[in-house]
Amino acid sequence: MIEAREALRRLCDEARPLEPMEVGLAEAYGRVLAQSVVADRDFPPTDRSAMDGFAVRAADLSQGRGVLAVVGEVRAGKSARALRVEPGQAVRVMTGSELPAGADSVVMVERAHEDPGERTVSIHDPVVAGQHVRRRGEDVRQGEVVLEPGRALNAPEIGVLSSVGCTRPRVHRLPTVAVLSTGDEIVEPDQLVLDHQLRNSNAYTLLAQLREQGIEGRYLGIAVDDREELQQHLRKGLRCDLLLITGGVSAGAYDFVAESLAAAGMEVLFHQVAVKPGKPILAGRRDSCLVVGLPGNPVSTFTGFAVFVAPALRRMMGHAEWRNLELPATLDRPLPAGPKRQTYHLVRLSASRDGLKARPVRSTGSGDVVSLARANGFVVTSVGCSGVEPGQTVPAILWRDFHLR
């Protein structure tokens, strides 16, 4: 049995970033850049007005007031090349419009009085050179790196790609992931369930967790406790980049997963980790396929994915930062002494003026699937923890796509 840190290291050492590919902007959301993106031109590409108003020469208004001749207008999206602001002149401009030559400042329309009949504008406030002007290249210069590799493309990044003309970014390929449930006692949720059977919550939870990572998993169904049937399912799953198996990894008489994977040629990375819940977790590699066997209890399956599988997937997807983010949280209720294993406690995290607060969630154990719905994160206690009192600070992990409410 190994510690959680070592298990994560071994698994993620094998979870190498997948090869790059080009995608269109419409398919780029959530994908991870495989190479730098540089600006194809200065941005803004010319001096621009930051306000609706009048482009002027600050020197004409050195006394803080003056009357200028309005000699033209520049609308947003139109060129200002045909205009020039000479001494004593002004040009009407709109937000985002190109600044005409000769002008070095903009006066807001609210701070000016235009006389259309006389084609003049009266300015009554001091003008500072450069006011309300966005200078060429002040955001980014041509050739400057605007996005680094390893960055996930969310809404702001898609906007940047569009602005710099990168219409087919190179991103890492998404991993193919298969999900297999095992056990004679497992039936699909839409089937008649008898008292000695359990509905298959694990597979659908894992498929949802994969979607939270931006991955559509391939569901292989349920393999009963039969070596030959299990081998047939394994052959399908081992064609993927990652095979997730729930159940059958403990030491029971009908737990055939470990021996079946060994027969299929899997090299074991670890089997059993000093964590609670999820001690029996198994991980290995067969050729290009990573394999993770998760215990059958639903809280153990969920926790094993969140703690070990999600970071490995993020590394395969090319994320520069793939580890789970741990934040300090203050407990509002006590936690009992833990076992000789690193423990992931279900909690409800909430934000306050004093920082992150954590309230332990009532749970009857690793089989209590309902307790997962009461929580939105973990707090982590170390091996041999003697208990944590209210008011003490502990590391917390907020689950992806959950809010601090």
Protein backbone atom coordinates (compact mmCIF):
# COMPACT_ATOMS: atom_id res chain seq x y z
CA MET A 1 0.00 0.00 0.00
CA ILE A 2 1.38 3.40 -0.99
CA GLU A 3 0.59 6.97 0.05
CA ALA A 4 -1.77 9.16 -1.96
CA ARG A 5 0.98 11.54 -3.12
CA GLU A 6 3.04 8.67 -4.54
CA ALA A 7 0.00 7.09 -6.22
CA LEU A 8 -0.85 10.38 -7.91
CA ARG A 9 2.76 10.82 -9.05
CA ARG A 10 2.92 7.34 -10.58
CA LEU A 11 -0.39 7.72 -12.39
CA CYS A 12 0.29 11.22 -13.72
CA ASP A 13 3.82 10.29 -14.82
CA GLU A 14 2.11 7.88 -17.21
CA ALA A 15 -0.62 10.35 -18.21
CA ARG A 16 1.41 12.15 -20.86
CA PRO A 17 -0.15 14.98 -22.89
CA LEU A 18 -1.80 13.68 -26.04
CA GLU A 19 -0.75 14.75 -29.53
CA PRO A 20 -1.81 18.12 -30.96
CA MET A 21 -4.50 18.67 -33.57
CA GLU A 22 -6.16 21.65 -35.23
CA VAL A 23 -9.75 22.58 -34.43
CA GLY A 24 -12.03 25.40 -35.53
CA LEU A 25 -13.02 28.17 -33.16
CA ALA A 26 -16.50 26.68 -32.72
CA GLU A 27 -14.93 23.45 -31.37
CA ALA A 28 -12.11 25.04 -29.36
CA TYR A 29 -13.97 25.77 -26.11
CA GLY A 30 -12.52 23.76 -23.20
CA ARG A 31 -9.62 22.41 -25.23
CA VAL A 32 -6.00 23.03 -24.18
CA LEU A 33 -3.54 24.94 -26.33
CA ALA A 34 -0.60 22.93 -27.63
CA GLN A 35 1.42 25.92 -28.87
CA SER A 36 1.75 29.65 -28.28
CA VAL A 37 -0.63 32.08 -29.97
CA VAL A 38 0.87 35.38 -31.15
CA ALA A 39 -0.79 38.60 -32.24
CA ASP A 40 -0.92 39.05 -36.02
CA ARG A 41 -1.01 42.86 -35.68
CA ASP A 42 -0.95 45.63 -33.11
CA PHE A 43 -4.10 45.94 -31.03
CA PRO A 44 -5.59 48.44 -31.28
CA PRO A 45 -4.23 48.58 -34.85
CA THR A 46 -4.48 52.41 -34.86
CA ASP A 47 -5.06 55.15 -32.31
CA ARG A 48 -8.75 54.94 -31.37
CA SER A 49 -11.29 57.06 -29.55
CA ALA A 50 -12.40 55.60 -26.23
CA MET A 51 -15.51 57.83 -26.12
CA ASP A 52 -18.17 59.45 -28.25
CA GLY A 53 -17.05 63.04 -28.65
CA PHE A 54 -14.60 65.22 -30.55
CA ALA A 55 -11.02 64.58 -31.58
CA VAL A 56 -8.95 67.70 -30.85
CA ARG A 57 -5.43 69.05 -30.41
CA ALA A 58 -4.73 69.58 -26.69
CA ALA A 59 -2.55 72.58 -27.56
CA ASP A 60 -5.61 74.42 -28.94
CA LEU A 61 -7.23 74.23 -25.51
CA SER A 62 -4.29 75.05 -23.30
CA GLN A 63 -6.35 77.73 -21.56
CA GLY A 64 -9.04 75.18 -20.72
CA ARG A 65 -11.64 76.49 -23.16
CA GLY A 66 -12.08 77.36 -26.79
CA VAL A 67 -14.27 77.22 -29.87
CA LEU A 68 -13.17 74.86 -32.65
CA ALA A 69 -14.37 74.34 -36.21
CA VAL A 70 -15.92 70.90 -36.80
CA VAL A 71 -14.45 69.71 -40.11
CA GLY A 72 -15.75 66.16 -40.33
CA GLU A 73 -16.83 62.95 -38.68
CA VAL A 74 -15.33 59.47 -38.26
CA ARG A 75 -17.73 56.62 -37.51
CA ALA A 76 -16.62 53.35 -35.97
CA GLY A 77 -15.51 50.99 -38.72
CA LYS A 78 -14.65 53.81 -41.16
CA SER A 79 -11.18 55.00 -42.11
CA ALA A 80 -9.94 58.40 -40.92
CA ARG A 81 -7.21 58.68 -43.56
CA ALA A 82 -9.01 61.42 -45.51
CA LEU A 83 -9.17 63.71 -42.48
CA ARG A 84 -6.62 65.71 -40.56
CA VAL A 85 -7.14 67.94 -37.54
CA GLU A 86 -5.35 71.23 -38.08
CA PRO A 87 -4.94 73.97 -35.44
CA GLY A 88 -8.34 75.31 -34.39
CA GLN A 89 -10.23 72.29 -35.72
CA ALA A 90 -12.08 69.26 -34.32
CA VAL A 91 -13.51 66.05 -35.80
CA ARG A 92 -16.59 64.31 -34.45
CA VAL A 93 -15.68 60.71 -33.38
CA MET A 94 -17.48 57.69 -31.98
CA THR A 95 -16.36 55.09 -29.44
CA GLY A 96 -13.90 52.79 -31.19
CA SER A 97 -13.46 54.98 -34.25
CA GLU A 98 -10.04 55.70 -35.69
CA LEU A 99 -8.40 58.90 -34.48
CA PRO A 100 -7.70 61.29 -37.36
CA ALA A 101 -4.17 62.52 -37.94
CA GLY A 102 -3.22 65.66 -36.04
CA ALA A 103 -5.52 64.94 -33.09
CA ASP A 104 -4.04 63.80 -29.80
CA SER A 105 -7.05 63.91 -27.44
CA VAL A 106 -10.79 63.32 -27.27
CA VAL A 107 -13.36 65.46 -25.48
CA MET A 108 -16.47 63.58 -24.39
CA VAL A 109 -19.66 64.70 -26.10
CA GLU A 110 -21.14 65.38 -22.66
CA ARG A 111 -18.38 67.93 -22.00
CA ALA A 112 -18.81 69.81 -25.29
CA HIS A 113 -21.47 72.04 -26.86
CA GLU A 114 -21.84 71.68 -30.63
CA ASP A 115 -23.46 74.32 -32.83
CA PRO A 116 -24.39 72.44 -36.03
CA GLY A 117 -25.44 75.62 -37.81
CA GLU A 118 -22.08 77.27 -37.24
CA ARG A 119 -20.22 73.95 -37.54
CA THR A 120 -18.38 74.68 -34.32
CA VAL A 121 -17.93 73.03 -30.94
CA SER A 122 -17.31 74.88 -27.68
CA ILE A 123 -15.06 73.26 -25.08
CA HIS A 124 -15.13 74.59 -21.52
CA ASP A 125 -12.92 72.06 -19.66
CA PRO A 126 -9.14 71.65 -19.61
CA VAL A 127 -7.85 69.03 -22.06
CA VAL A 128 -4.89 66.77 -21.34
CA ALA A 129 -2.98 65.31 -24.27
CA GLY A 130 -3.91 61.64 -24.67
CA GLN A 131 -7.18 61.74 -22.76
CA HIS A 132 -9.81 59.23 -23.87
CA VAL A 133 -7.46 57.86 -26.56
CA ARG A 134 -6.54 54.21 -26.92
CA ARG A 135 -3.05 54.16 -28.41
CA ARG A 136 -1.99 51.80 -31.17
CA GLY A 137 -0.59 48.59 -29.70
CA GLU A 138 -1.33 49.48 -26.08
CA ASP A 139 -3.08 46.15 -25.53
CA VAL A 140 -0.64 43.95 -27.47
CA ARG A 141 2.04 44.35 -30.11
CA GLN A 142 2.34 42.37 -33.34
CA GLY A 143 4.27 39.15 -32.69
CA GLU A 144 3.68 39.25 -28.94
CA VAL A 145 2.58 36.01 -27.28
CA VAL A 146 -1.02 36.42 -26.10
CA LEU A 147 -1.79 32.84 -24.99
CA GLU A 148 0.67 30.26 -23.68
CA PRO A 149 0.55 26.47 -24.25
CA GLY A 150 -1.20 24.48 -21.54
CA ARG A 151 -4.02 26.99 -21.19
CA ALA A 152 -7.64 25.86 -21.39
CA LEU A 153 -9.68 27.81 -23.92
CA ASN A 154 -12.65 29.31 -22.13
CA ALA A 155 -14.79 32.27 -23.22
CA PRO A 156 -12.14 35.02 -22.77
CA GLU A 157 -9.49 32.97 -24.57
CA ILE A 158 -11.84 32.27 -27.49
CA GLY A 159 -12.33 36.04 -27.75
CA VAL A 160 -8.55 36.55 -27.86
CA LEU A 161 -8.14 33.89 -30.59
CA SER A 162 -10.80 35.62 -32.66
CA SER A 163 -9.17 39.03 -32.19
CA VAL A 164 -5.73 37.90 -33.34
CA GLY A 165 -7.04 35.93 -36.32
CA CYS A 166 -6.19 32.45 -34.98
CA THR A 167 -9.12 30.60 -36.52
CA ARG A 168 -7.69 27.06 -36.21
CA PRO A 169 -5.74 26.79 -32.96
CA ARG A 170 -3.58 23.73 -32.27
CA VAL A 171 -4.88 21.94 -29.20
CA HIS A 172 -4.24 18.62 -27.53
CA ARG A 173 -6.45 15.74 -28.54
CA LEU A 174 -9.10 14.76 -26.02
CA PRO A 175 -8.54 11.34 -24.45
CA THR A 176 -10.91 8.53 -25.27
CA VAL A 177 -12.26 7.08 -22.03
CA ALA A 178 -14.25 3.88 -21.50
CA VAL A 179 -16.35 3.20 -18.39
CA LEU A 180 -17.12 -0.36 -17.27
CA SER A 181 -19.17 -1.47 -14.27
CA THR A 182 -18.76 -4.93 -12.75
CA GLY A 183 -20.71 -7.15 -10.39
CA ASP A 184 -23.60 -9.62 -10.38
CA GLU A 185 -25.51 -7.32 -8.03
CA ILE A 186 -25.53 -4.31 -10.41
CA VAL A 187 -28.50 -3.55 -12.69
CA GLU A 188 -29.23 -0.58 -14.93
CA PRO A 189 -31.34 2.21 -13.36
CA ASP A 190 -34.26 1.62 -15.73
CA GLN A 191 -34.55 -2.10 -14.89
CA LEU A 192 -36.56 -3.82 -12.18
CA VAL A 193 -34.36 -3.95 -9.08
CA LEU A 194 -34.68 -6.72 -6.49
CA ASP A 195 -33.81 -6.43 -2.82
CA HIS A 196 -30.42 -8.08 -3.32
CA GLN A 197 -29.48 -5.82 -6.25
CA LEU A 198 -28.18 -2.28 -6.67
CA ARG A 199 -28.86 0.26 -9.38
CA ASN A 200 -25.80 1.27 -11.36
CA SER A 201 -25.10 4.76 -10.02
CA ASN A 202 -21.32 4.56 -10.43
CA ALA A 203 -21.15 4.44 -14.22
CA TYR A 204 -23.46 7.41 -14.69
CA THR A 205 -21.66 9.39 -12.00
CA LEU A 206 -18.35 8.74 -13.76
CA LEU A 207 -19.79 9.69 -17.15
CA ALA A 208 -21.00 12.97 -15.60
CA GLN A 209 -17.59 13.59 -14.01
CA LEU A 210 -16.00 13.03 -17.41
CA ARG A 211 -18.34 15.59 -18.98
CA GLU A 212 -17.23 18.08 -16.34
CA GLN A 213 -13.73 17.59 -17.76
CA GLY A 214 -15.04 18.14 -21.29
CA ILE A 215 -14.92 14.44 -22.23
CA GLU A 216 -17.71 12.22 -23.54
CA GLY A 217 -17.07 8.78 -22.07
CA ARG A 218 -17.85 5.49 -23.79
CA TYR A 219 -20.08 3.33 -21.63
CA LEU A 220 -19.33 -0.40 -21.94
CA GLY A 221 -22.18 -1.63 -19.77
CA ILE A 222 -22.04 -4.09 -16.85
CA ALA A 223 -19.77 -7.13 -16.70
CA VAL A 224 -21.05 -9.85 -14.37
CA ASP A 225 -18.68 -11.75 -12.10
CA ASP A 226 -17.49 -14.11 -14.81
CA ARG A 227 -13.88 -14.18 -16.05
CA GLU A 228 -14.71 -14.79 -19.70
CA GLU A 229 -17.34 -12.03 -19.92
CA LEU A 230 -15.05 -9.62 -18.07
CA GLN A 231 -12.26 -10.33 -20.56
CA GLN A 232 -14.58 -9.52 -23.47
CA HIS A 233 -15.43 -6.13 -21.95
CA LEU A 234 -11.79 -5.42 -21.11
CA ARG A 235 -10.70 -6.00 -24.71
CA LYS A 236 -13.05 -3.22 -25.82
CA GLY A 237 -11.98 -0.82 -23.09
CA LEU A 238 -8.24 -1.36 -23.59
CA ARG A 239 -8.52 0.22 -27.05
CA CYS A 240 -9.08 3.61 -25.41
CA ASP A 241 -6.61 6.03 -23.84
CA LEU A 242 -8.12 5.37 -20.41
CA LEU A 243 -10.29 2.56 -19.07
CA LEU A 244 -12.24 3.18 -15.86
CA ILE A 245 -13.60 0.14 -14.04
CA THR A 246 -15.84 0.21 -10.98
CA GLY A 247 -16.03 -2.73 -8.61
CA GLY A 248 -14.12 -5.99 -8.47
CA VAL A 249 -10.78 -4.54 -7.33
CA SER A 250 -10.89 -5.68 -3.69
CA ALA A 251 -9.91 -9.08 -2.29
CA GLY A 252 -13.27 -10.83 -2.49
CA ALA A 253 -13.75 -14.31 -3.93
CA TYR A 254 -15.39 -12.86 -7.06
CA ASP A 255 -13.19 -9.79 -7.51
CA PHE A 256 -11.64 -10.79 -10.84
CA VAL A 257 -10.57 -7.40 -12.19
CA ALA A 258 -6.92 -7.43 -11.09
CA GLU A 259 -6.19 -10.95 -12.31
CA SER A 260 -8.06 -10.37 -15.59
CA LEU A 261 -6.08 -7.20 -16.28
CA ALA A 262 -2.83 -9.02 -15.48
CA ALA A 263 -3.82 -11.76 -17.94
CA ALA A 264 -4.44 -9.04 -20.54
CA GLY A 265 -0.86 -7.79 -20.10
CA MET A 266 -1.39 -4.78 -17.83
CA GLU A 267 1.63 -3.49 -15.92
CA VAL A 268 0.53 -2.54 -12.39
CA LEU A 269 1.42 0.96 -11.22
CA PHE A 270 -0.12 0.48 -7.78
CA HIS A 271 -2.83 -1.50 -6.02
CA GLN A 272 -4.16 -0.16 -2.72
CA VAL A 273 -3.54 3.39 -1.57
CA ALA A 274 -3.54 4.73 1.98
CA VAL A 275 -6.67 6.84 1.48
CA LYS A 276 -10.18 6.81 2.85
CA PRO A 277 -12.48 6.21 1.10
CA GLY A 278 -11.05 4.17 -1.78
CA LYS A 279 -8.19 2.08 -0.36
CA PRO A 280 -8.47 -0.80 -2.94
CA ILE A 281 -7.91 1.48 -5.99
CA LEU A 282 -5.87 -0.15 -8.77
CA ALA A 283 -3.94 1.54 -11.60
CA GLY A 284 -1.85 0.25 -14.46
CA ARG A 285 -0.91 0.54 -18.11
CA ARG A 286 -1.40 -1.85 -21.02
CA ASP A 287 0.39 -0.48 -24.10
CA SER A 288 -1.08 2.99 -24.73
CA CYS A 289 -4.04 2.53 -22.38
CA LEU A 290 -4.08 3.67 -18.78
CA VAL A 291 -6.35 1.65 -16.51
CA VAL A 292 -7.88 2.70 -13.20
CA GLY A 293 -9.96 0.29 -11.16
CA LEU A 294 -12.14 2.06 -8.61
CA PRO A 295 -13.86 0.43 -5.61
CA GLY A 296 -17.54 -0.31 -6.04
CA ASN A 297 -18.93 1.85 -3.24
CA PRO A 298 -20.25 5.09 -4.80
CA VAL A 299 -18.44 7.55 -2.49
CA SER A 300 -15.19 5.65 -3.08
CA THR A 301 -15.71 5.73 -6.85
CA PHE A 302 -16.49 9.44 -6.87
CA THR A 303 -13.55 10.27 -4.60
CA GLY A 304 -11.10 8.11 -6.56
CA PHE A 305 -12.03 9.91 -9.76
CA ALA A 306 -11.79 13.37 -8.20
CA VAL A 307 -8.48 12.74 -6.41
CA PHE A 308 -6.59 10.60 -8.93
CA VAL A 309 -8.34 10.32 -12.29
CA ALA A 310 -9.27 13.97 -12.88
CA PRO A 311 -5.68 15.24 -12.46
CA ALA A 312 -4.40 12.48 -14.77
CA LEU A 313 -6.98 13.41 -17.40
CA ARG A 314 -6.08 17.09 -17.18
CA ARG A 315 -2.45 16.18 -17.77
CA MET A 316 -3.41 14.05 -20.81
CA MET A 317 -5.42 16.99 -22.12
CA GLY A 318 -2.32 19.19 -21.88
CA HIS A 319 -3.19 21.41 -18.91
CA ALA A 320 -0.14 23.19 -17.50
CA GLU A 321 -1.84 23.19 -14.08
CA TRP A 322 -3.39 19.76 -13.64
CA ARG A 323 -3.27 19.16 -9.89
CA ASN A 324 -6.35 19.71 -7.72
CA LEU A 325 -6.41 23.18 -6.21
CA GLU A 326 -6.38 23.06 -2.41
CA LEU A 327 -7.61 26.12 -0.51
CA PRO A 328 -7.60 26.77 3.24
CA ALA A 329 -11.01 26.39 4.87
CA THR A 330 -12.17 26.86 8.45
CA LEU A 331 -14.24 24.07 9.98
CA ASP A 332 -17.48 24.98 11.71
CA ARG A 333 -17.96 21.50 13.20
CA PRO A 334 -15.46 18.98 14.57
CA LEU A 335 -13.95 16.09 12.64
CA PRO A 336 -13.15 12.87 14.52
CA ALA A 337 -9.74 11.24 14.64
CA GLY A 338 -8.91 9.57 11.36
CA PRO A 339 -7.45 6.18 10.43
CA LYS A 340 -3.86 5.62 9.33
CA ARG A 341 -4.83 6.87 5.89
CA GLN A 342 -5.22 10.27 4.24
CA THR A 343 -8.94 11.00 4.50
CA TYR A 344 -11.22 12.95 2.20
CA HIS A 345 -14.19 14.20 4.22
CA LEU A 346 -17.39 15.26 2.50
CA VAL A 347 -18.16 18.90 3.32
CA ARG A 348 -20.33 21.80 2.30
CA LEU A 349 -18.07 24.73 1.41
CA SER A 350 -19.30 28.31 1.52
CA ALA A 351 -17.65 31.70 1.10
CA SER A 352 -17.73 34.41 3.76
CA ARG A 353 -15.93 37.67 4.49
CA ASP A 354 -13.50 35.68 6.62
CA GLY A 355 -12.71 33.20 3.85
CA LEU A 356 -13.83 29.67 3.02
CA LYS A 357 -15.99 27.83 5.55
CA ALA A 358 -16.42 24.04 5.66
CA ARG A 359 -19.30 22.17 7.26
CA PRO A 360 -18.92 18.36 7.42
CA VAL A 361 -21.74 16.47 5.74
CA ARG A 362 -23.60 13.65 7.45
CA SER A 363 -22.69 10.33 5.83
CA THR A 364 -23.14 6.72 6.88
CA GLY A 365 -20.07 5.62 4.91
CA SER A 366 -18.71 5.01 1.43
CA GLY A 367 -21.95 3.38 0.31
CA ASP A 368 -24.04 6.49 1.07
CA VAL A 369 -24.55 7.91 -2.41
CA VAL A 370 -27.04 10.51 -1.14
CA SER A 371 -24.33 12.12 0.99
CA LEU A 372 -22.52 13.14 -2.20
CA ALA A 373 -25.48 15.32 -3.16
CA ARG A 374 -25.28 17.12 0.20
CA ALA A 375 -21.63 18.08 -0.35
CA ASN A 376 -19.73 20.28 -2.78
CA GLY A 377 -16.17 19.47 -1.80
CA PHE A 378 -13.68 17.67 0.43
CA VAL A 379 -11.52 18.67 3.32
CA VAL A 380 -8.37 16.60 3.66
CA THR A 381 -6.83 15.25 6.86
CA SER A 382 -3.45 13.57 6.96
CA VAL A 383 -2.47 10.08 8.05
CA GLY A 384 -3.09 9.53 11.77
CA CYS A 385 -4.93 12.84 12.29
CA SER A 386 -6.05 13.11 15.92
CA GLY A 387 -9.16 15.09 15.00
CA VAL A 388 -9.90 18.67 14.02
CA GLU A 389 -11.76 21.14 16.22
CA PRO A 390 -14.14 23.89 15.02
CA GLY A 391 -12.24 27.02 14.02
CA GLN A 392 -9.19 25.13 12.80
CA THR A 393 -8.02 25.49 9.20
CA VAL A 394 -7.76 22.49 6.89
CA PRO A 395 -7.04 22.09 3.15
CA ALA A 396 -10.20 21.94 1.04
CA ILE A 397 -10.95 20.89 -2.54
CA LEU A 398 -14.00 22.42 -4.23
CA TRP A 399 -15.60 20.12 -6.77
CA ARG A 400 -15.66 21.29 -10.35
CA ASP A 401 -18.88 23.03 -11.48
CA PHE A 402 -20.17 23.50 -7.93
CA HIS A 403 -20.92 26.92 -6.48
CA LEU A 404 -20.16 28.27 -3.03
CA ARG A 405 -23.75 28.59 -1.92
